PDB file of N, CA and C in Angstrom:
ATOM      1  N   MET A   1      35.628 282.662 245.536  1.00  0.00           N
ATOM      2  CA  MET A   1      35.301 281.567 246.433  1.00  0.00           C
ATOM      3  C   MET A   1      34.361 282.011 247.530  1.00  0.00           C
ATOM      4  N   TYR A   2      34.574 283.164 248.087  1.00  0.00           N
ATOM      5  CA  TYR A   2      33.668 283.731 249.076  1.00  0.00           C
ATOM      6  C   TYR A   2      32.319 283.848 248.564  1.00  0.00           C
ATOM      7  N   VAL A   3      32.250 284.306 247.267  1.00  0.00           N
ATOM      8  CA  VAL A   3      30.902 284.517 246.709  1.00  0.00           C
ATOM      9  C   VAL A   3      30.174 283.192 246.580  1.00  0.00           C
ATOM     10  N   VAL A   4      30.876 282.147 246.185  1.00  0.00           N
ATOM     11  CA  VAL A   4      30.258 280.885 246.049  1.00  0.00           C
ATOM     12  C   VAL A   4      29.738 280.414 247.458  1.00  0.00           C
ATOM     13  N   LEU A   5      30.571 280.615 248.489  1.00  0.00           N
ATOM     14  CA  LEU A   5      30.121 280.150 249.782  1.00  0.00           C
ATOM     15  C   LEU A   5      28.914 280.951 250.239  1.00  0.00           C
ATOM     16  N   GLU A   6      28.882 282.228 250.022  1.00  0.00           N
ATOM     17  CA  GLU A   6      27.797 283.072 250.416  1.00  0.00           C
ATOM     18  C   GLU A   6      26.515 282.592 249.641  1.00  0.00           C
ATOM     19  N   ASP A   7      26.693 282.331 248.362  1.00  0.00           N
ATOM     20  CA  ASP A   7      25.577 281.937 247.582  1.00  0.00           C
ATOM     21  C   ASP A   7      24.999 280.588 248.143  1.00  0.00           C
ATOM     22  N   ALA A   8      25.867 279.696 248.541  1.00  0.00           N
ATOM     23  CA  ALA A   8      25.495 278.349 249.062  1.00  0.00           C
ATOM     24  C   ALA A   8      24.711 278.620 250.318  1.00  0.00           C
ATOM     25  N   GLU A   9      25.159 279.491 251.176  1.00  0.00           N
ATOM     26  CA  GLU A   9      24.463 279.754 252.436  1.00  0.00           C
ATOM     27  C   GLU A   9      23.147 280.370 252.238  1.00  0.00           C
ATOM     28  N   ALA A  10      23.078 281.289 251.145  1.00  0.00           N
ATOM     29  CA  ALA A  10      21.752 281.908 250.830  1.00  0.00           C
ATOM     30  C   ALA A  10      20.809 280.764 250.344  1.00  0.00           C
ATOM     31  N   VAL A  11      21.267 279.964 249.541  1.00  0.00           N
ATOM     32  CA  VAL A  11      20.405 278.889 249.007  1.00  0.00           C
ATOM     33  C   VAL A  11      19.901 278.045 250.105  1.00  0.00           C
ATOM     34  N   MET A  12      20.802 277.657 251.073  1.00  0.00           N
ATOM     35  CA  MET A  12      20.344 276.811 252.238  1.00  0.00           C
ATOM     36  C   MET A  12      19.343 277.557 253.119  1.00  0.00           C
ATOM     37  N   ALA A  13      19.579 278.823 253.314  1.00  0.00           N
ATOM     38  CA  ALA A  13      18.611 279.662 254.055  1.00  0.00           C
ATOM     39  C   ALA A  13      17.259 279.656 253.411  1.00  0.00           C
ATOM     40  N   VAL A  14      17.240 279.799 252.101  1.00  0.00           N
ATOM     41  CA  VAL A  14      15.982 279.855 251.365  1.00  0.00           C
ATOM     42  C   VAL A  14      15.326 278.501 251.458  1.00  0.00           C
ATOM     43  N   ALA A  15      16.091 277.412 251.291  1.00  0.00           N
ATOM     44  CA  ALA A  15      15.516 276.074 251.272  1.00  0.00           C
ATOM     45  C   ALA A  15      14.996 275.737 252.713  1.00  0.00           C
ATOM     46  N   VAL A  16      15.671 276.140 253.731  1.00  0.00           N
ATOM     47  CA  VAL A  16      15.193 275.919 255.175  1.00  0.00           C
ATOM     48  C   VAL A  16      13.836 276.692 255.337  1.00  0.00           C
ATOM     49  N   ALA A  17      13.711 277.797 254.687  1.00  0.00           N
ATOM     50  CA  ALA A  17      12.547 278.674 254.947  1.00  0.00           C
ATOM     51  C   ALA A  17      11.350 278.123 254.080  1.00  0.00           C
ATOM     52  N   VAL A  18      11.684 277.519 252.901  1.00  0.00           N
ATOM     53  CA  VAL A  18      10.632 277.111 252.016  1.00  0.00           C
ATOM     54  C   VAL A  18      10.112 275.716 252.221  1.00  0.00           C
ATOM     55  N   VAL A  19      10.996 274.794 252.652  1.00  0.00           N
ATOM     56  CA  VAL A  19      10.646 273.408 252.946  1.00  0.00           C
ATOM     57  C   VAL A  19       9.411 273.284 253.844  1.00  0.00           C
ATOM     58  N   PRO A  20       9.374 273.941 254.978  1.00  0.00           N
ATOM     59  CA  PRO A  20       8.218 273.750 255.850  1.00  0.00           C
ATOM     60  C   PRO A  20       6.915 274.331 255.243  1.00  0.00           C
ATOM     61  N   ILE A  21       7.028 275.368 254.468  1.00  0.00           N
ATOM     62  CA  ILE A  21       5.847 275.872 253.748  1.00  0.00           C
ATOM     63  C   ILE A  21       5.329 274.804 252.770  1.00  0.00           C
ATOM     64  N   VAL A  22       6.287 274.215 251.968  1.00  0.00           N
ATOM     65  CA  VAL A  22       5.924 273.223 251.001  1.00  0.00           C
ATOM     66  C   VAL A  22       5.248 272.008 251.728  1.00  0.00           C
ATOM     67  N   GLU A  23       5.839 271.626 252.884  1.00  0.00           N
ATOM     68  CA  GLU A  23       5.282 270.508 253.573  1.00  0.00           C
ATOM     69  C   GLU A  23       3.805 270.773 254.051  1.00  0.00           C
ATOM     70  N   VAL A  24       3.643 271.997 254.520  1.00  0.00           N
ATOM     71  CA  VAL A  24       2.298 272.379 254.948  1.00  0.00           C
ATOM     72  C   VAL A  24       1.282 272.390 253.786  1.00  0.00           C
ATOM     73  N   VAL A  25       1.773 272.886 252.661  1.00  0.00           N
ATOM     74  CA  VAL A  25       0.877 272.911 251.491  1.00  0.00           C
ATOM     75  C   VAL A  25       0.505 271.456 251.058  1.00  0.00           C
ATOM     76  N   ILE A  26       1.514 270.627 250.996  1.00  0.00           N
ATOM     77  CA  ILE A  26       1.270 269.198 250.669  1.00  0.00           C
ATOM     78  C   ILE A  26       0.383 268.560 251.691  1.00  0.00           C
ATOM     79  N   ALA A  27       0.570 268.795 252.940  1.00  0.00           N
ATOM     80  CA  ALA A  27      -0.310 268.202 253.970  1.00  0.00           C
ATOM     81  C   ALA A  27      -1.764 268.625 253.734  1.00  0.00           C
ATOM     82  N   GLU A  28      -1.951 269.979 253.493  1.00  0.00           N
ATOM     83  CA  GLU A  28      -3.321 270.484 253.289  1.00  0.00           C
ATOM     84  C   GLU A  28      -3.920 269.756 252.033  1.00  0.00           C
ATOM     85  N   VAL A  29      -3.149 269.622 250.995  1.00  0.00           N
ATOM     86  CA  VAL A  29      -3.724 268.997 249.764  1.00  0.00           C
ATOM     87  C   VAL A  29      -4.032 267.505 250.035  1.00  0.00           C
ATOM     88  N   VAL A  30      -3.248 266.842 250.740  1.00  0.00           N
ATOM     89  CA  VAL A  30      -3.509 265.502 251.113  1.00  0.00           C
ATOM     90  C   VAL A  30      -4.734 265.335 252.003  1.00  0.00           C
ATOM     91  N   ILE A  31      -4.821 266.203 252.945  1.00  0.00           N
ATOM     92  CA  ILE A  31      -5.976 266.161 253.825  1.00  0.00           C
ATOM     93  C   ILE A  31      -7.231 266.510 253.165  1.00  0.00           C
ATOM     94  N   ALA A  32      -7.166 267.505 252.256  1.00  0.00           N
ATOM     95  CA  ALA A  32      -8.297 267.988 251.525  1.00  0.00           C
ATOM     96  C   ALA A  32      -8.678 266.900 250.519  1.00  0.00           C
TER      97      ALA A  32
END
């Protein structure tokens, strides 16, 4: 159970870190 919770937290942390990067890339593509 603890492993699952830790994995979920890790996934959320990665998602929070990646989402802004993806948004910037999409914005650059749209602007370009």
